[in-house]
Amino acid sequence: MKIIVVGCGRLGAGLAQTLSQRTHQVTVVDIHPDAFERLGTSFKGRTILGSGFDRDVFMQVGVERADGLAAVTNSDETNVVTAQVARQIFHVPRVVARLYDVRQAEIYKRLGIQTIAPTGWGINRIADLLLYSPLENVFSLGSGEVELVVAEVPRLLVGKTVRDLMLVGEIHVVSITRGNKTFLPTMGTIFREEDLIHLAVLTTSTNRLKELLGY
């Protein structure tokens, strides 16, 4: 995948290194040339000097072909403008913006921009938000410790019960959408083909949930 990281501070550099190590094509943008030193000699991606929301810079990094963009500078204003341009003008599929003022998060959520707080979010979690996942994030609670996600029931769970997908204190099946109706299941509710499952999950247990779903 082609990922753009705007901001090469400690978070941006770590994110770029992680994505690059996962063999993705990464381009890092920053207005300070010295910032790229944080990437180290092992970084295999591109670096572009400039402002993340500058149209010329966007064209230079090939934003129209990007699969994801993370705006993680130390400025809320820069991150929001960059994310809005990427999402609304260039239609980048996955956009993440770092926000220090978490009160604004819900506003940008409605615009299709996933926001992250400076605390409670690890580099690997941000990377997961940028990359494709069969789990669709619906809402984040608190500072991102708990997420509400939705997934189509996999074949391996068809015929099994809600109890088989529950982990006390980690993963909870909130509701099931079947046909045109959504209902609250019991532990004994049996999963059927084409069910949509809504789950509350600790972000630290996301990988465990993927294992249970066979992803």
N, C-alpha and C. Protein backbone atom coordinates (compact mmCIF):
# COMPACT_ATOMS: atom_id res chain seq x y z
N MET A 1 0.83 -1.20 0.00
CA MET A 1 0.00 0.00 0.00
C MET A 1 0.87 1.26 0.00
N LYS A 2 0.33 2.35 -0.54
CA LYS A 2 1.04 3.62 -0.59
C LYS A 2 0.50 4.53 0.51
N ILE A 3 1.36 4.86 1.46
CA ILE A 3 0.97 5.63 2.63
C ILE A 3 1.78 6.92 2.71
N ILE A 4 1.11 8.02 3.03
CA ILE A 4 1.77 9.31 3.23
C ILE A 4 1.70 9.65 4.72
N VAL A 5 2.84 10.02 5.29
CA VAL A 5 2.91 10.44 6.68
C VAL A 5 3.33 11.91 6.70
N VAL A 6 2.48 12.78 7.18
CA VAL A 6 2.76 14.21 7.25
C VAL A 6 3.17 14.55 8.67
N GLY A 7 4.41 14.91 8.85
CA GLY A 7 4.95 15.19 10.18
C GLY A 7 5.96 14.13 10.55
N CYS A 8 7.21 14.56 10.75
CA CYS A 8 8.27 13.59 11.06
C CYS A 8 8.84 13.83 12.46
N GLY A 9 7.93 14.03 13.41
CA GLY A 9 8.34 14.06 14.80
C GLY A 9 8.55 12.64 15.28
N ARG A 10 8.58 12.45 16.59
CA ARG A 10 8.81 11.11 17.12
C ARG A 10 7.71 10.13 16.69
N LEU A 11 6.46 10.58 16.74
CA LEU A 11 5.34 9.72 16.33
C LEU A 11 5.37 9.45 14.83
N GLY A 12 5.53 10.49 14.03
CA GLY A 12 5.54 10.32 12.58
C GLY A 12 6.68 9.45 12.10
N ALA A 13 7.86 9.66 12.67
CA ALA A 13 9.02 8.86 12.27
C ALA A 13 8.83 7.40 12.64
N GLY A 14 8.31 7.16 13.85
CA GLY A 14 8.08 5.79 14.27
C GLY A 14 7.04 5.10 13.42
N LEU A 15 5.98 5.84 13.06
CA LEU A 15 4.93 5.29 12.21
C LEU A 15 5.48 4.97 10.82
N ALA A 16 6.28 5.89 10.26
CA ALA A 16 6.86 5.67 8.93
C ALA A 16 7.78 4.45 8.93
N GLN A 17 8.59 4.30 9.97
CA GLN A 17 9.48 3.15 10.06
C GLN A 17 8.70 1.84 10.16
N THR A 18 7.63 1.86 10.97
CA THR A 18 6.81 0.66 11.15
C THR A 18 6.15 0.24 9.84
N LEU A 19 5.57 1.20 9.14
CA LEU A 19 4.91 0.91 7.87
C LEU A 19 5.90 0.42 6.83
N SER A 20 7.07 1.04 6.81
CA SER A 20 8.11 0.64 5.86
C SER A 20 8.57 -0.79 6.14
N GLN A 21 8.71 -1.12 7.42
CA GLN A 21 9.12 -2.48 7.79
C GLN A 21 8.07 -3.51 7.40
N ARG A 22 6.81 -3.05 7.30
CA ARG A 22 5.74 -3.95 6.85
C ARG A 22 5.66 -3.99 5.32
N THR A 23 6.68 -3.46 4.67
CA THR A 23 6.86 -3.48 3.20
C THR A 23 5.88 -2.59 2.44
N HIS A 24 5.35 -1.56 3.09
CA HIS A 24 4.49 -0.61 2.39
C HIS A 24 5.34 0.52 1.82
N GLN A 25 4.82 1.18 0.77
CA GLN A 25 5.52 2.32 0.17
C GLN A 25 5.15 3.57 0.97
N VAL A 26 6.13 4.15 1.64
CA VAL A 26 5.88 5.26 2.56
C VAL A 26 6.59 6.53 2.08
N THR A 27 5.85 7.63 2.10
CA THR A 27 6.41 8.95 1.82
C THR A 27 6.18 9.83 3.04
N VAL A 28 7.24 10.46 3.51
CA VAL A 28 7.16 11.32 4.70
C VAL A 28 7.34 12.78 4.30
N VAL A 29 6.47 13.64 4.80
CA VAL A 29 6.50 15.07 4.50
C VAL A 29 6.74 15.86 5.78
N ASP A 30 7.67 16.82 5.72
CA ASP A 30 7.90 17.69 6.88
C ASP A 30 8.51 19.00 6.39
N ILE A 31 8.26 20.08 7.13
CA ILE A 31 8.78 21.39 6.73
C ILE A 31 10.20 21.61 7.23
N HIS A 32 10.68 20.73 8.10
CA HIS A 32 12.02 20.87 8.66
C HIS A 32 12.93 19.76 8.12
N PRO A 33 13.97 20.10 7.37
CA PRO A 33 14.84 19.06 6.80
C PRO A 33 15.53 18.20 7.85
N ASP A 34 15.84 18.77 9.00
CA ASP A 34 16.51 18.00 10.05
C ASP A 34 15.62 16.90 10.62
N ALA A 35 14.30 17.07 10.47
CA ALA A 35 13.38 16.09 11.05
C ALA A 35 13.56 14.69 10.46
N PHE A 36 13.99 14.63 9.20
CA PHE A 36 14.12 13.33 8.53
C PHE A 36 15.23 12.47 9.14
N GLU A 37 16.11 13.09 9.92
CA GLU A 37 17.17 12.33 10.56
C GLU A 37 16.60 11.30 11.53
N ARG A 38 15.39 11.56 12.02
CA ARG A 38 14.75 10.61 12.95
C ARG A 38 14.43 9.28 12.28
N LEU A 39 14.36 9.27 10.97
CA LEU A 39 13.98 8.05 10.25
C LEU A 39 15.10 7.01 10.26
N GLY A 40 16.33 7.46 10.43
CA GLY A 40 17.46 6.53 10.45
C GLY A 40 17.85 6.07 9.05
N THR A 41 18.94 5.40 8.98
CA THR A 41 19.49 4.96 7.69
C THR A 41 18.76 3.74 7.11
N SER A 42 17.99 3.05 7.94
CA SER A 42 17.31 1.84 7.46
C SER A 42 15.99 2.15 6.74
N PHE A 43 15.51 3.40 6.83
CA PHE A 43 14.23 3.75 6.21
C PHE A 43 14.36 3.70 4.69
N LYS A 44 13.44 2.99 4.03
CA LYS A 44 13.50 2.78 2.58
C LYS A 44 12.53 3.66 1.79
N GLY A 45 11.76 4.48 2.48
CA GLY A 45 10.76 5.29 1.78
C GLY A 45 11.30 6.60 1.26
N ARG A 46 10.38 7.48 0.85
CA ARG A 46 10.73 8.80 0.31
C ARG A 46 10.54 9.87 1.37
N THR A 47 11.25 10.96 1.21
CA THR A 47 11.06 12.13 2.07
C THR A 47 10.85 13.35 1.18
N ILE A 48 9.87 14.17 1.54
CA ILE A 48 9.54 15.38 0.79
C ILE A 48 9.55 16.57 1.74
N LEU A 49 10.29 17.62 1.38
CA LEU A 49 10.35 18.81 2.21
C LEU A 49 9.23 19.75 1.81
N GLY A 50 8.36 20.10 2.77
CA GLY A 50 7.26 21.01 2.45
C GLY A 50 6.13 20.87 3.44
N SER A 51 5.09 21.66 3.22
CA SER A 51 3.91 21.65 4.08
C SER A 51 2.93 20.59 3.61
N GLY A 52 2.34 19.87 4.56
CA GLY A 52 1.45 18.76 4.21
C GLY A 52 0.20 19.17 3.48
N PHE A 53 -0.30 20.40 3.69
CA PHE A 53 -1.53 20.80 3.02
C PHE A 53 -1.29 21.66 1.79
N ASP A 54 -0.02 21.77 1.36
CA ASP A 54 0.31 22.50 0.14
C ASP A 54 -0.06 21.64 -1.07
N ARG A 55 -0.84 22.19 -1.99
CA ARG A 55 -1.31 21.41 -3.13
C ARG A 55 -0.15 20.88 -3.98
N ASP A 56 0.87 21.71 -4.16
CA ASP A 56 2.02 21.27 -4.96
C ASP A 56 2.72 20.08 -4.31
N VAL A 57 2.82 20.12 -2.98
CA VAL A 57 3.44 19.01 -2.26
C VAL A 57 2.57 17.76 -2.40
N PHE A 58 1.26 17.93 -2.28
CA PHE A 58 0.35 16.80 -2.46
C PHE A 58 0.53 16.15 -3.83
N MET A 59 0.66 16.97 -4.86
CA MET A 59 0.84 16.43 -6.20
C MET A 59 2.19 15.73 -6.32
N GLN A 60 3.20 16.28 -5.66
CA GLN A 60 4.53 15.71 -5.71
C GLN A 60 4.58 14.32 -5.06
N VAL A 61 3.83 14.15 -3.99
CA VAL A 61 3.84 12.85 -3.30
C VAL A 61 2.86 11.85 -3.93
N GLY A 62 2.08 12.31 -4.91
CA GLY A 62 1.14 11.41 -5.56
C GLY A 62 -0.05 11.05 -4.70
N VAL A 63 -0.63 12.05 -4.04
CA VAL A 63 -1.71 11.79 -3.10
C VAL A 63 -2.92 11.15 -3.77
N GLU A 64 -3.12 11.42 -5.05
CA GLU A 64 -4.28 10.85 -5.74
C GLU A 64 -4.17 9.34 -5.88
N ARG A 65 -2.99 8.80 -5.67
CA ARG A 65 -2.79 7.35 -5.75
C ARG A 65 -2.56 6.72 -4.37
N ALA A 66 -2.68 7.52 -3.33
CA ALA A 66 -2.39 7.03 -1.98
C ALA A 66 -3.53 6.18 -1.44
N ASP A 67 -3.18 5.17 -0.67
CA ASP A 67 -4.17 4.33 0.00
C ASP A 67 -4.49 4.85 1.40
N GLY A 68 -3.59 5.64 1.97
CA GLY A 68 -3.83 6.18 3.30
C GLY A 68 -2.92 7.35 3.59
N LEU A 69 -3.36 8.22 4.51
CA LEU A 69 -2.56 9.38 4.91
C LEU A 69 -2.74 9.61 6.40
N ALA A 70 -1.63 9.86 7.09
CA ALA A 70 -1.64 10.20 8.51
C ALA A 70 -1.06 11.59 8.69
N ALA A 71 -1.85 12.50 9.27
CA ALA A 71 -1.38 13.85 9.57
C ALA A 71 -1.05 13.90 11.05
N VAL A 72 0.24 13.87 11.38
CA VAL A 72 0.67 13.72 12.77
C VAL A 72 1.70 14.78 13.17
N THR A 73 1.51 16.01 12.69
CA THR A 73 2.37 17.10 13.12
C THR A 73 1.99 17.51 14.54
N ASN A 74 2.69 18.52 15.08
CA ASN A 74 2.36 18.98 16.44
C ASN A 74 1.34 20.12 16.42
N SER A 75 0.67 20.32 15.27
CA SER A 75 -0.34 21.38 15.14
C SER A 75 -1.69 20.78 14.76
N ASP A 76 -2.70 20.99 15.60
CA ASP A 76 -4.05 20.52 15.28
C ASP A 76 -4.54 21.12 13.97
N GLU A 77 -4.29 22.43 13.79
CA GLU A 77 -4.78 23.11 12.59
C GLU A 77 -4.19 22.50 11.33
N THR A 78 -2.88 22.26 11.35
CA THR A 78 -2.21 21.66 10.19
C THR A 78 -2.76 20.27 9.92
N ASN A 79 -2.93 19.49 10.97
CA ASN A 79 -3.40 18.11 10.81
C ASN A 79 -4.82 18.06 10.25
N VAL A 80 -5.68 18.92 10.75
CA VAL A 80 -7.07 18.92 10.31
C VAL A 80 -7.18 19.37 8.86
N VAL A 81 -6.49 20.45 8.51
CA VAL A 81 -6.54 20.94 7.12
C VAL A 81 -5.97 19.89 6.18
N THR A 82 -4.85 19.30 6.54
CA THR A 82 -4.23 18.27 5.71
C THR A 82 -5.18 17.09 5.52
N ALA A 83 -5.79 16.65 6.61
CA ALA A 83 -6.70 15.51 6.54
C ALA A 83 -7.94 15.83 5.70
N GLN A 84 -8.49 17.03 5.85
CA GLN A 84 -9.67 17.41 5.08
C GLN A 84 -9.38 17.47 3.59
N VAL A 85 -8.25 18.05 3.23
CA VAL A 85 -7.87 18.13 1.81
C VAL A 85 -7.68 16.73 1.24
N ALA A 86 -6.99 15.88 1.99
CA ALA A 86 -6.74 14.52 1.52
C ALA A 86 -8.04 13.74 1.33
N ARG A 87 -8.95 13.91 2.28
CA ARG A 87 -10.20 13.13 2.26
C ARG A 87 -11.21 13.69 1.27
N GLN A 88 -11.43 14.99 1.31
CA GLN A 88 -12.53 15.59 0.57
C GLN A 88 -12.17 15.97 -0.87
N ILE A 89 -10.93 16.35 -1.10
CA ILE A 89 -10.53 16.77 -2.45
C ILE A 89 -9.89 15.63 -3.23
N PHE A 90 -8.98 14.90 -2.56
CA PHE A 90 -8.27 13.83 -3.26
C PHE A 90 -8.84 12.44 -2.98
N HIS A 91 -9.83 12.36 -2.10
CA HIS A 91 -10.55 11.11 -1.83
C HIS A 91 -9.63 9.96 -1.42
N VAL A 92 -8.67 10.26 -0.55
CA VAL A 92 -7.82 9.21 0.00
C VAL A 92 -8.69 8.31 0.87
N PRO A 93 -8.65 7.00 0.66
CA PRO A 93 -9.58 6.08 1.36
C PRO A 93 -9.49 6.10 2.87
N ARG A 94 -8.27 6.17 3.41
CA ARG A 94 -8.10 6.11 4.87
C ARG A 94 -7.25 7.29 5.31
N VAL A 95 -7.83 8.11 6.18
CA VAL A 95 -7.16 9.32 6.66
C VAL A 95 -7.23 9.36 8.18
N VAL A 96 -6.08 9.60 8.81
CA VAL A 96 -5.99 9.69 10.26
C VAL A 96 -5.35 11.02 10.62
N ALA A 97 -5.94 11.75 11.58
CA ALA A 97 -5.40 13.03 12.01
C ALA A 97 -5.15 13.00 13.52
N ARG A 98 -3.99 13.48 13.91
CA ARG A 98 -3.68 13.60 15.33
C ARG A 98 -4.26 14.90 15.86
N LEU A 99 -5.02 14.81 16.97
CA LEU A 99 -5.63 16.00 17.57
C LEU A 99 -5.27 16.08 19.04
N TYR A 100 -4.79 17.23 19.46
CA TYR A 100 -4.55 17.45 20.88
C TYR A 100 -5.86 17.87 21.56
N ASP A 101 -6.70 18.60 20.85
CA ASP A 101 -7.99 19.02 21.39
C ASP A 101 -9.04 17.97 21.03
N VAL A 102 -9.23 16.99 21.92
CA VAL A 102 -10.09 15.86 21.62
C VAL A 102 -11.55 16.24 21.52
N ARG A 103 -11.90 17.47 21.95
CA ARG A 103 -13.29 17.91 21.86
C ARG A 103 -13.75 18.04 20.42
N GLN A 104 -12.79 18.18 19.50
CA GLN A 104 -13.13 18.33 18.09
C GLN A 104 -13.25 16.99 17.35
N ALA A 105 -12.92 15.91 18.04
CA ALA A 105 -12.82 14.61 17.38
C ALA A 105 -14.11 14.19 16.69
N GLU A 106 -15.26 14.35 17.35
CA GLU A 106 -16.52 13.89 16.79
C GLU A 106 -16.87 14.63 15.51
N ILE A 107 -16.52 15.90 15.44
CA ILE A 107 -16.80 16.70 14.23
C ILE A 107 -16.12 16.08 13.02
N TYR A 108 -14.85 15.72 13.19
CA TYR A 108 -14.10 15.18 12.07
C TYR A 108 -14.44 13.73 11.78
N LYS A 109 -14.93 13.05 12.80
CA LYS A 109 -15.41 11.67 12.59
C LYS A 109 -16.53 11.66 11.57
N ARG A 110 -17.42 12.65 11.65
CA ARG A 110 -18.55 12.74 10.72
C ARG A 110 -18.09 13.03 9.30
N LEU A 111 -16.90 13.59 9.16
CA LEU A 111 -16.35 13.90 7.84
C LEU A 111 -15.55 12.73 7.28
N GLY A 112 -15.53 11.63 8.01
CA GLY A 112 -14.81 10.46 7.54
C GLY A 112 -13.34 10.46 7.90
N ILE A 113 -12.97 11.31 8.88
CA ILE A 113 -11.58 11.42 9.29
C ILE A 113 -11.43 10.79 10.67
N GLN A 114 -10.63 9.73 10.76
CA GLN A 114 -10.36 9.11 12.05
C GLN A 114 -9.37 9.98 12.81
N THR A 115 -9.66 10.29 14.06
CA THR A 115 -8.75 11.12 14.85
C THR A 115 -8.13 10.30 15.97
N ILE A 116 -6.93 10.72 16.39
CA ILE A 116 -6.23 10.05 17.46
C ILE A 116 -5.77 11.07 18.49
N ALA A 117 -5.82 10.70 19.75
CA ALA A 117 -5.33 11.56 20.82
C ALA A 117 -3.84 11.29 21.02
N PRO A 118 -3.10 12.27 21.55
CA PRO A 118 -1.66 12.08 21.72
C PRO A 118 -1.30 11.04 22.76
N THR A 119 -2.25 10.67 23.63
CA THR A 119 -1.98 9.62 24.60
C THR A 119 -2.94 8.47 24.37
N GLY A 120 -2.51 7.27 24.74
CA GLY A 120 -3.39 6.12 24.64
C GLY A 120 -3.38 5.44 23.27
N TRP A 121 -2.59 5.95 22.33
CA TRP A 121 -2.54 5.37 21.00
C TRP A 121 -1.11 5.00 20.66
N GLY A 122 -0.86 3.75 20.35
CA GLY A 122 0.47 3.33 19.95
C GLY A 122 0.66 3.41 18.46
N ILE A 123 1.91 3.38 18.04
CA ILE A 123 2.24 3.45 16.62
C ILE A 123 1.60 2.31 15.84
N ASN A 124 1.63 1.12 16.40
CA ASN A 124 1.05 -0.03 15.69
C ASN A 124 -0.45 0.13 15.49
N ARG A 125 -1.11 0.76 16.48
CA ARG A 125 -2.57 0.96 16.35
C ARG A 125 -2.88 1.95 15.25
N ILE A 126 -2.09 3.01 15.14
CA ILE A 126 -2.29 3.98 14.07
C ILE A 126 -2.06 3.31 12.72
N ALA A 127 -1.04 2.49 12.64
CA ALA A 127 -0.77 1.76 11.40
C ALA A 127 -1.95 0.89 11.02
N ASP A 128 -2.56 0.23 12.00
CA ASP A 128 -3.72 -0.62 11.72
C ASP A 128 -4.89 0.19 11.17
N LEU A 129 -5.07 1.43 11.66
CA LEU A 129 -6.15 2.28 11.17
C LEU A 129 -5.93 2.67 9.71
N LEU A 130 -4.67 2.81 9.31
CA LEU A 130 -4.37 3.22 7.94
C LEU A 130 -4.49 2.07 6.95
N LEU A 131 -4.21 0.88 7.41
CA LEU A 131 -4.18 -0.27 6.52
C LEU A 131 -5.54 -0.95 6.49
N TYR A 132 -5.78 -1.71 5.45
CA TYR A 132 -7.07 -2.39 5.31
C TYR A 132 -7.28 -3.39 6.43
N SER A 133 -8.47 -3.44 6.94
CA SER A 133 -8.83 -4.43 7.94
C SER A 133 -10.28 -4.84 7.72
N PRO A 134 -10.60 -6.13 7.84
CA PRO A 134 -12.00 -6.57 7.70
C PRO A 134 -12.86 -6.08 8.85
N LEU A 135 -12.23 -5.57 9.91
CA LEU A 135 -12.97 -4.98 11.02
C LEU A 135 -13.16 -3.49 10.75
N GLU A 136 -14.40 -3.04 10.71
CA GLU A 136 -14.68 -1.64 10.49
C GLU A 136 -14.88 -0.93 11.82
N ASN A 137 -14.05 0.08 12.07
CA ASN A 137 -14.18 0.85 13.30
C ASN A 137 -15.39 1.76 13.20
N VAL A 138 -16.31 1.63 14.16
CA VAL A 138 -17.52 2.45 14.17
C VAL A 138 -17.36 3.65 15.10
N PHE A 139 -16.75 3.39 16.26
CA PHE A 139 -16.62 4.47 17.25
C PHE A 139 -15.53 4.10 18.24
N SER A 140 -14.79 5.11 18.70
CA SER A 140 -13.78 4.91 19.73
C SER A 140 -14.25 5.56 21.02
N LEU A 141 -14.04 4.87 22.12
CA LEU A 141 -14.48 5.37 23.42
C LEU A 141 -13.28 5.76 24.28
N GLY A 142 -13.50 6.75 25.13
CA GLY A 142 -12.43 7.23 25.98
C GLY A 142 -11.32 7.83 25.14
N SER A 143 -10.10 7.46 25.42
CA SER A 143 -8.93 7.91 24.64
C SER A 143 -8.51 6.83 23.66
N GLY A 144 -9.47 6.00 23.28
CA GLY A 144 -9.18 4.95 22.31
C GLY A 144 -8.94 3.59 22.94
N GLU A 145 -9.19 3.46 24.26
CA GLU A 145 -8.95 2.18 24.92
C GLU A 145 -9.95 1.12 24.47
N VAL A 146 -11.18 1.54 24.15
CA VAL A 146 -12.23 0.61 23.73
C VAL A 146 -12.79 1.07 22.39
N GLU A 147 -13.03 0.12 21.51
CA GLU A 147 -13.60 0.44 20.20
C GLU A 147 -14.87 -0.37 19.95
N LEU A 148 -15.79 0.25 19.24
CA LEU A 148 -16.95 -0.46 18.75
C LEU A 148 -16.68 -0.77 17.28
N VAL A 149 -16.66 -2.06 16.94
CA VAL A 149 -16.33 -2.47 15.58
C VAL A 149 -17.45 -3.34 15.02
N VAL A 150 -17.48 -3.44 13.70
CA VAL A 150 -18.48 -4.29 13.05
C VAL A 150 -17.78 -5.20 12.05
N ALA A 151 -18.25 -6.42 11.97
CA ALA A 151 -17.67 -7.40 11.05
C ALA A 151 -18.75 -8.36 10.58
N GLU A 152 -18.61 -8.82 9.36
CA GLU A 152 -19.53 -9.84 8.87
C GLU A 152 -19.09 -11.18 9.44
N VAL A 153 -20.04 -11.97 9.88
CA VAL A 153 -19.70 -13.23 10.52
C VAL A 153 -18.93 -14.12 9.53
N PRO A 154 -17.76 -14.62 9.91
CA PRO A 154 -17.00 -15.50 9.03
C PRO A 154 -17.59 -16.91 9.01
N ARG A 155 -17.23 -17.66 8.00
CA ARG A 155 -17.80 -19.00 7.86
C ARG A 155 -17.52 -19.90 9.06
N LEU A 156 -16.34 -19.73 9.65
CA LEU A 156 -15.96 -20.62 10.76
C LEU A 156 -16.84 -20.42 11.99
N LEU A 157 -17.56 -19.28 12.06
CA LEU A 157 -18.44 -19.03 13.21
C LEU A 157 -19.90 -19.34 12.92
N VAL A 158 -20.24 -19.56 11.66
CA VAL A 158 -21.62 -19.90 11.33
C VAL A 158 -22.01 -21.21 12.04
N GLY A 159 -23.10 -21.16 12.77
CA GLY A 159 -23.54 -22.33 13.52
C GLY A 159 -23.02 -22.36 14.95
N LYS A 160 -22.08 -21.46 15.27
CA LYS A 160 -21.57 -21.38 16.64
C LYS A 160 -22.31 -20.28 17.39
N THR A 161 -22.07 -20.19 18.67
CA THR A 161 -22.83 -19.26 19.50
C THR A 161 -22.01 -18.02 19.86
N VAL A 162 -22.72 -17.03 20.36
CA VAL A 162 -22.08 -15.80 20.82
C VAL A 162 -21.03 -16.11 21.88
N ARG A 163 -21.29 -17.10 22.69
CA ARG A 163 -20.36 -17.48 23.76
C ARG A 163 -18.97 -17.81 23.20
N ASP A 164 -18.93 -18.35 21.98
CA ASP A 164 -17.66 -18.74 21.37
C ASP A 164 -16.80 -17.54 20.97
N LEU A 165 -17.41 -16.35 20.93
CA LEU A 165 -16.69 -15.15 20.51
C LEU A 165 -16.45 -14.18 21.66
N MET A 166 -16.88 -14.54 22.84
CA MET A 166 -16.78 -13.64 23.99
C MET A 166 -15.51 -13.92 24.78
N LEU A 167 -14.84 -12.86 25.19
CA LEU A 167 -13.74 -12.94 26.14
C LEU A 167 -14.05 -11.92 27.24
N VAL A 168 -14.32 -12.38 28.44
CA VAL A 168 -14.72 -11.49 29.53
C VAL A 168 -13.67 -10.42 29.75
N GLY A 169 -14.12 -9.16 29.75
CA GLY A 169 -13.23 -8.04 29.98
C GLY A 169 -12.43 -7.61 28.77
N GLU A 170 -12.60 -8.31 27.63
CA GLU A 170 -11.83 -7.97 26.43
C GLU A 170 -12.70 -7.81 25.18
N ILE A 171 -13.56 -8.77 24.93
CA ILE A 171 -14.38 -8.78 23.71
C ILE A 171 -15.82 -9.09 24.10
N HIS A 172 -16.74 -8.23 23.67
CA HIS A 172 -18.15 -8.40 24.01
C HIS A 172 -19.00 -8.19 22.75
N VAL A 173 -19.86 -9.15 22.45
CA VAL A 173 -20.79 -9.01 21.32
C VAL A 173 -21.94 -8.12 21.77
N VAL A 174 -22.05 -6.96 21.15
CA VAL A 174 -23.06 -5.97 21.55
C VAL A 174 -24.39 -6.24 20.87
N SER A 175 -24.37 -6.45 19.56
CA SER A 175 -25.61 -6.67 18.82
C SER A 175 -25.32 -7.44 17.54
N ILE A 176 -26.39 -7.94 16.94
CA ILE A 176 -26.29 -8.64 15.66
C ILE A 176 -27.34 -8.05 14.72
N THR A 177 -26.92 -7.75 13.51
CA THR A 177 -27.86 -7.31 12.48
C THR A 177 -28.09 -8.47 11.53
N ARG A 178 -29.37 -8.86 11.41
CA ARG A 178 -29.74 -10.00 10.57
C ARG A 178 -30.89 -9.55 9.68
N GLY A 179 -30.62 -9.52 8.38
CA GLY A 179 -31.62 -8.98 7.47
C GLY A 179 -31.77 -7.49 7.72
N ASN A 180 -32.97 -7.05 8.00
CA ASN A 180 -33.21 -5.63 8.26
C ASN A 180 -33.43 -5.33 9.74
N LYS A 181 -33.09 -6.30 10.61
CA LYS A 181 -33.33 -6.10 12.03
C LYS A 181 -32.04 -6.26 12.83
N THR A 182 -31.91 -5.43 13.86
CA THR A 182 -30.78 -5.51 14.78
C THR A 182 -31.31 -5.87 16.15
N PHE A 183 -30.67 -6.82 16.82
CA PHE A 183 -31.15 -7.26 18.12
C PHE A 183 -29.98 -7.51 19.07
N LEU A 184 -30.29 -7.56 20.35
CA LEU A 184 -29.31 -7.87 21.38
C LEU A 184 -29.27 -9.38 21.58
N PRO A 185 -28.15 -10.02 21.37
CA PRO A 185 -28.10 -11.48 21.46
C PRO A 185 -27.90 -11.96 22.90
N THR A 186 -28.17 -13.22 23.12
CA THR A 186 -27.83 -13.88 24.38
C THR A 186 -26.57 -14.71 24.14
N MET A 187 -26.03 -15.26 25.20
CA MET A 187 -24.85 -16.11 25.05
C MET A 187 -25.10 -17.30 24.13
N GLY A 188 -26.36 -17.74 24.08
CA GLY A 188 -26.69 -18.91 23.28
C GLY A 188 -27.13 -18.60 21.86
N THR A 189 -27.19 -17.34 21.48
CA THR A 189 -27.60 -16.98 20.12
C THR A 189 -26.63 -17.59 19.11
N ILE A 190 -27.18 -18.21 18.08
CA ILE A 190 -26.37 -18.88 17.06
C ILE A 190 -26.14 -17.94 15.88
N PHE A 191 -24.89 -17.85 15.46
CA PHE A 191 -24.55 -17.01 14.30
C PHE A 191 -25.03 -17.67 13.00
N ARG A 192 -25.55 -16.85 12.09
CA ARG A 192 -25.99 -17.32 10.79
C ARG A 192 -25.21 -16.61 9.69
N GLU A 193 -25.25 -17.17 8.49
CA GLU A 193 -24.57 -16.55 7.36
C GLU A 193 -25.12 -15.13 7.14
N GLU A 194 -24.21 -14.23 6.78
CA GLU A 194 -24.51 -12.83 6.46
C GLU A 194 -24.90 -12.00 7.68
N ASP A 195 -24.76 -12.56 8.88
CA ASP A 195 -24.95 -11.74 10.07
C ASP A 195 -23.87 -10.66 10.13
N LEU A 196 -24.23 -9.48 10.61
CA LEU A 196 -23.26 -8.44 10.93
C LEU A 196 -23.15 -8.37 12.44
N ILE A 197 -21.94 -8.49 12.94
CA ILE A 197 -21.72 -8.52 14.39
C ILE A 197 -21.12 -7.19 14.83
N HIS A 198 -21.73 -6.59 15.82
CA HIS A 198 -21.17 -5.38 16.44
C HIS A 198 -20.53 -5.78 17.75
N LEU A 199 -19.26 -5.41 17.92
CA LEU A 199 -18.51 -5.84 19.10
C LEU A 199 -17.84 -4.66 19.78
N ALA A 200 -17.76 -4.72 21.10
CA ALA A 200 -16.94 -3.80 21.87
C ALA A 200 -15.67 -4.56 22.23
N VAL A 201 -14.53 -3.95 21.91
CA VAL A 201 -13.26 -4.65 22.11
C VAL A 201 -12.20 -3.69 22.64
N LEU A 202 -11.39 -4.18 23.56
CA LEU A 202 -10.23 -3.41 23.99
C LEU A 202 -9.27 -3.31 22.82
N THR A 203 -8.67 -2.14 22.61
CA THR A 203 -7.73 -2.01 21.49
C THR A 203 -6.56 -2.97 21.64
N THR A 204 -6.22 -3.29 22.87
CA THR A 204 -5.12 -4.24 23.09
C THR A 204 -5.51 -5.67 22.75
N SER A 205 -6.81 -5.91 22.54
CA SER A 205 -7.27 -7.27 22.22
C SER A 205 -7.72 -7.40 20.77
N THR A 206 -7.42 -6.39 19.94
CA THR A 206 -7.85 -6.42 18.55
C THR A 206 -7.27 -7.62 17.80
N ASN A 207 -5.99 -7.88 18.01
CA ASN A 207 -5.37 -9.03 17.32
C ASN A 207 -5.99 -10.35 17.76
N ARG A 208 -6.35 -10.43 19.04
CA ARG A 208 -7.01 -11.64 19.54
C ARG A 208 -8.37 -11.81 18.88
N LEU A 209 -9.09 -10.71 18.68
CA LEU A 209 -10.39 -10.77 18.01
C LEU A 209 -10.23 -11.25 16.57
N LYS A 210 -9.21 -10.73 15.89
CA LYS A 210 -8.96 -11.17 14.50
C LYS A 210 -8.69 -12.67 14.44
N GLU A 211 -7.98 -13.18 15.43
CA GLU A 211 -7.71 -14.63 15.47
C GLU A 211 -9.01 -15.40 15.63
N LEU A 212 -9.89 -14.94 16.51
CA LEU A 212 -11.16 -15.62 16.74
C LEU A 212 -12.05 -15.59 15.50
N LEU A 213 -11.94 -14.50 14.73
CA LEU A 213 -12.72 -14.37 13.50
C LEU A 213 -12.07 -15.05 12.31
N GLY A 214 -10.83 -15.51 12.49
CA GLY A 214 -10.13 -16.20 11.41
C GLY A 214 -9.52 -15.26 10.39
N TYR A 215 -9.25 -14.01 10.78
CA TYR A 215 -8.66 -13.03 9.85
C TYR A 215 -7.15 -13.12 9.88
